[in-house]
Structure formats: structure tokens, C-alpha cells
Amino acid sequence: MNNLDDSIGKILLDLQKDDPVVFKRLLKKAYEEYPEIFEDDIDKENKWIDEYNRKIDEYNKKIEND
């Protein structure tokens, strides 16, 4: 199953790069039909992004002060 997940992930990444409009429609449709799939991942991803942005801000402030 892990290989299948990896293959699907690669296909989605390629689709996102090659045809972002279709990718957005596909994700919107998946979210409408299966919102439970996205609930946990979005929270985790948002927390990761917030932490990453905080570290970038700290780094930028450190560079500005030097």
C-alpha cells in the first residue's frame, strides 16, 4: 500500500505542476466528497508552516540586526 500512496503522491505533484487548474478542481472535489481526509493533515501542515514562518522571521530579524 505504501508504494501505491507514493505513486499517487507523485502523480498529484506532477499534476499540480503541469495543470494547476485541474489539480485544484480535483482537490476541491475530493474535499467535498471526503472532508475527513483533510481535517488532520491541514491542522498539522498549518502548524508546520506557522513554525517555519516564525523561524524565518527570527532569522530575518537576526540578519537585520547584524
Protein backbone atom coordinates (compact mmCIF):
# COMPACT_ATOMS: atom_id res chain seq x y z
CA MET A 1 0.00 0.00 0.00
CA ASN A 2 2.91 2.34 0.70
CA ASN A 3 4.06 2.08 -2.93
CA LEU A 4 0.55 2.95 -4.06
CA ASP A 5 0.50 6.00 -1.76
CA ASP A 6 3.89 7.09 -3.12
CA SER A 7 2.71 6.64 -6.72
CA ILE A 8 -0.48 8.61 -6.12
CA GLY A 9 1.52 11.35 -4.40
CA LYS A 10 3.91 11.57 -7.35
CA ILE A 11 1.02 11.74 -9.81
CA LEU A 12 -0.60 14.54 -7.79
CA LEU A 13 2.66 16.50 -7.59
CA ASP A 14 3.13 16.17 -11.34
CA LEU A 15 -0.46 17.24 -11.94
CA GLN A 16 -0.02 20.23 -9.64
CA LYS A 17 2.98 21.38 -11.68
CA ASP A 18 1.62 20.53 -15.13
CA ASP A 19 -2.03 21.52 -14.76
CA PRO A 20 -2.74 23.51 -11.58
CA VAL A 21 -6.34 24.26 -12.60
CA VAL A 22 -7.25 20.57 -12.86
CA PHE A 23 -5.32 19.88 -9.66
CA LYS A 24 -7.39 22.48 -7.76
CA ARG A 25 -10.64 21.07 -9.15
CA LEU A 26 -9.59 17.55 -8.17
CA LEU A 27 -8.73 18.58 -4.62
CA LYS A 28 -11.94 20.59 -4.29
CA LYS A 29 -13.99 17.58 -5.42
CA ALA A 30 -12.09 15.27 -3.06
CA TYR A 31 -12.63 17.70 -0.17
CA GLU A 32 -16.35 17.95 -0.90
CA GLU A 33 -16.79 14.18 -1.00
CA TYR A 34 -14.33 13.19 1.74
CA PRO A 35 -13.65 16.16 4.06
CA GLU A 36 -12.48 13.86 6.86
CA ILE A 37 -9.37 13.02 4.84
CA PHE A 38 -8.20 16.63 5.00
CA GLU A 39 -9.02 17.58 8.59
CA ASP A 40 -5.97 16.28 10.45
CA ASP A 41 -3.47 16.94 7.68
CA ILE A 42 -4.46 20.59 7.30
CA ASP A 43 -4.02 21.27 11.01
CA LYS A 44 -0.62 19.56 11.07
CA GLU A 45 0.51 21.30 7.90
CA ASN A 46 -0.66 24.70 9.11
CA LYS A 47 1.20 24.24 12.39
CA TRP A 48 4.33 23.25 10.49
CA ILE A 49 4.01 26.25 8.16
CA ASP A 50 3.45 28.63 11.09
CA GLU A 51 6.53 27.27 12.87
CA TYR A 52 8.59 27.51 9.69
CA ASN A 53 7.47 31.11 9.09
CA ARG A 54 8.28 32.01 12.69
CA LYS A 55 11.81 30.63 12.28
CA ILE A 56 12.25 32.56 9.03
CA ASP A 57 11.08 35.77 10.73
CA GLU A 58 13.52 35.23 13.59
CA TYR A 59 16.34 34.60 11.14
CA ASN A 60 15.49 37.72 9.12
CA LYS A 61 15.39 39.86 12.27
CA LYS A 62 18.75 38.45 13.33
CA ILE A 63 20.27 39.34 9.93
CA GLU A 64 18.78 42.86 10.06
CA ASN A 65 20.26 43.46 13.49
CA ASP A 66 23.77 42.35 12.47
